[in-house]
């Protein structure tokens, strides 16, 4: 039986399934970074992250503002930055995050590294609240 990883990465329905190998690579990479930083040392306290790649944050931000993403969350509990938005549920040690990629395509930057940078930015903000080492 395969155990789920604490950090998962998916893409919303606007992306091709050809993205799957990159998503798996990114997921393995960030979970390995968390392992190296000893985030999994205490089995009773493991942060989990659910990252979703989206083309643009515009639609997601409108959805968050209008509904709080779902009926259990308020829009104020979401943090929206350039290129990503996230909501940390402290009671579940769970973070839901959207990572935008359209601006990366426009800028012509290394997309994989830029996605990694955005994911680690979100992860490090949450981890710092619990005194965990930052991911590099």
Protein backbone atom coordinates (compact mmCIF):
# COMPACT_ATOMS: atom_id res chain seq x y z
CA UNK A 1 0.00 0.00 0.00
CA UNK A 2 1.33 3.41 -1.01
CA UNK A 3 1.25 6.17 1.58
CA UNK A 4 0.32 9.66 0.39
CA UNK A 5 3.03 12.29 0.47
CA UNK A 6 2.47 15.31 2.71
CA UNK A 7 3.06 17.71 -0.18
CA UNK A 8 1.08 17.17 -3.36
CA UNK A 9 1.06 19.04 -6.66
CA UNK A 10 -1.64 18.95 -9.29
CA UNK A 11 -2.72 21.10 -12.22
CA UNK A 12 -6.18 22.46 -12.77
CA UNK A 13 -8.24 21.22 -15.71
CA UNK A 14 -6.89 23.85 -18.11
CA UNK A 15 -3.61 21.99 -18.51
CA UNK A 16 -2.72 19.03 -20.66
CA UNK A 17 -2.06 15.63 -19.11
CA UNK A 18 1.40 15.92 -20.68
CA UNK A 19 2.29 18.01 -17.63
CA UNK A 20 2.03 14.95 -15.36
CA UNK A 21 5.78 14.04 -15.48
CA UNK A 22 6.75 17.59 -14.45
CA UNK A 23 4.20 17.55 -11.63
CA UNK A 24 5.58 14.25 -10.34
CA UNK A 25 9.14 15.60 -10.53
CA UNK A 26 8.19 18.77 -8.63
CA UNK A 27 6.30 16.76 -6.01
CA UNK A 28 9.24 14.45 -5.41
CA UNK A 29 11.62 17.40 -5.27
CA UNK A 30 9.70 19.42 -2.68
CA UNK A 31 8.97 16.40 -0.49
CA UNK A 32 12.69 15.55 -0.55
CA UNK A 33 13.54 19.14 0.42
CA UNK A 34 11.12 18.86 3.36
CA UNK A 35 12.67 15.53 4.37
CA UNK A 36 16.17 17.07 4.29
CA UNK A 37 14.95 19.95 6.48
CA UNK A 38 13.59 17.39 8.99
CA UNK A 39 9.98 18.48 8.59
CA UNK A 40 8.84 14.87 9.04
CA UNK A 41 10.72 14.18 12.27
CA UNK A 42 7.61 14.33 14.46
CA UNK A 43 4.88 12.07 13.06
CA UNK A 44 2.26 13.86 15.17
CA UNK A 45 3.14 17.20 13.60
CA UNK A 46 3.49 17.05 9.82
CA UNK A 47 2.56 20.01 7.68
CA UNK A 48 0.77 19.13 4.48
CA UNK A 49 0.44 21.21 1.34
CA UNK A 50 -1.92 20.87 -1.59
CA UNK A 51 -0.46 22.90 -4.48
CA UNK A 52 -2.44 23.43 -7.68
CA UNK A 53 -0.91 24.98 -10.78
CA UNK A 54 -3.26 27.45 -12.45
CA UNK A 55 -2.80 29.55 -15.54
CA UNK A 56 -3.70 32.80 -13.77
CA UNK A 57 -4.65 33.82 -10.26
CA UNK A 58 -7.28 36.29 -11.52
CA UNK A 59 -10.12 33.77 -11.68
CA UNK A 60 -9.05 32.07 -8.43
CA UNK A 61 -8.79 35.39 -6.58
CA UNK A 62 -12.29 36.33 -7.77
CA UNK A 63 -13.58 32.96 -6.58
CA UNK A 64 -11.82 33.36 -3.21
CA UNK A 65 -13.14 36.90 -2.80
CA UNK A 66 -16.67 35.90 -3.72
CA UNK A 67 -16.94 32.66 -1.77
CA UNK A 68 -13.81 32.19 0.29
CA UNK A 69 -12.97 29.24 -2.03
CA UNK A 70 -15.60 27.19 -0.19
CA UNK A 71 -18.21 27.83 2.42
CA UNK A 72 -15.88 26.98 5.34
CA UNK A 73 -13.24 29.61 4.59
CA UNK A 74 -13.33 33.37 4.66
CA UNK A 75 -11.68 35.38 1.92
CA UNK A 76 -9.62 37.18 4.56
CA UNK A 77 -7.87 33.95 5.51
CA UNK A 78 -6.26 33.75 2.06
CA UNK A 79 -2.88 35.34 1.39
CA UNK A 80 -2.51 36.56 -2.19
CA UNK A 81 0.94 37.48 -3.50
CA UNK A 82 2.46 37.96 -6.93
CA UNK A 83 2.23 34.52 -8.58
CA UNK A 84 0.56 32.58 -5.76
CA UNK A 85 -2.27 32.49 -3.26
CA UNK A 86 -2.60 30.25 -0.22
CA UNK A 87 -4.72 29.45 2.80
CA UNK A 88 -3.24 27.77 5.89
CA UNK A 89 -5.65 25.76 8.03
CA UNK A 90 -3.81 25.59 11.35
CA UNK A 91 -6.30 23.17 12.90
CA UNK A 92 -5.40 20.58 10.23
CA UNK A 93 -1.78 21.69 9.56
CA UNK A 94 -2.92 21.91 5.92
CA UNK A 95 -2.15 24.55 3.32
CA UNK A 96 -4.06 24.92 0.07
CA UNK A 97 -2.15 26.95 -2.53
CA UNK A 98 -2.56 28.06 -6.12
CA UNK A 99 0.58 28.68 -8.18
CA UNK A 100 0.14 30.80 -11.33
CA UNK A 101 2.23 30.09 -14.42
CA UNK A 102 0.99 32.43 -17.20
CA UNK A 103 3.22 35.30 -16.05
CA UNK A 104 6.20 32.92 -16.10
CA UNK A 105 5.54 32.12 -19.76
CA UNK A 106 5.34 35.84 -20.57
CA UNK A 107 8.57 36.61 -18.72
CA UNK A 108 10.45 33.80 -20.47
CA UNK A 109 12.02 32.69 -17.20
CA UNK A 110 12.93 29.10 -16.31
CA UNK A 111 9.42 27.89 -15.54
CA UNK A 112 10.38 24.84 -13.47
CA UNK A 113 12.68 26.84 -11.19
CA UNK A 114 10.13 29.65 -10.87
CA UNK A 115 7.43 27.17 -9.84
CA UNK A 116 9.84 25.71 -7.26
CA UNK A 117 10.54 29.22 -5.95
CA UNK A 118 6.85 29.96 -5.53
CA UNK A 119 6.16 26.64 -3.81
CA UNK A 120 9.05 27.08 -1.40
CA UNK A 121 7.94 30.65 -0.65
CA UNK A 122 4.54 29.38 0.47
CA UNK A 123 6.00 26.39 2.35
CA UNK A 124 8.62 28.49 4.14
CA UNK A 125 6.11 31.09 5.38
CA UNK A 126 3.98 28.37 6.95
CA UNK A 127 6.99 26.42 8.27
CA UNK A 128 8.48 29.52 9.90
CA UNK A 129 5.32 29.84 12.02
CA UNK A 130 6.26 26.50 13.56
CA UNK A 131 10.01 27.01 13.90
CA UNK A 132 10.91 24.60 11.09
CA UNK A 133 13.97 25.05 8.91
CA UNK A 134 13.41 26.81 5.61
CA UNK A 135 13.51 24.83 2.39
CA UNK A 136 16.22 25.84 -0.03
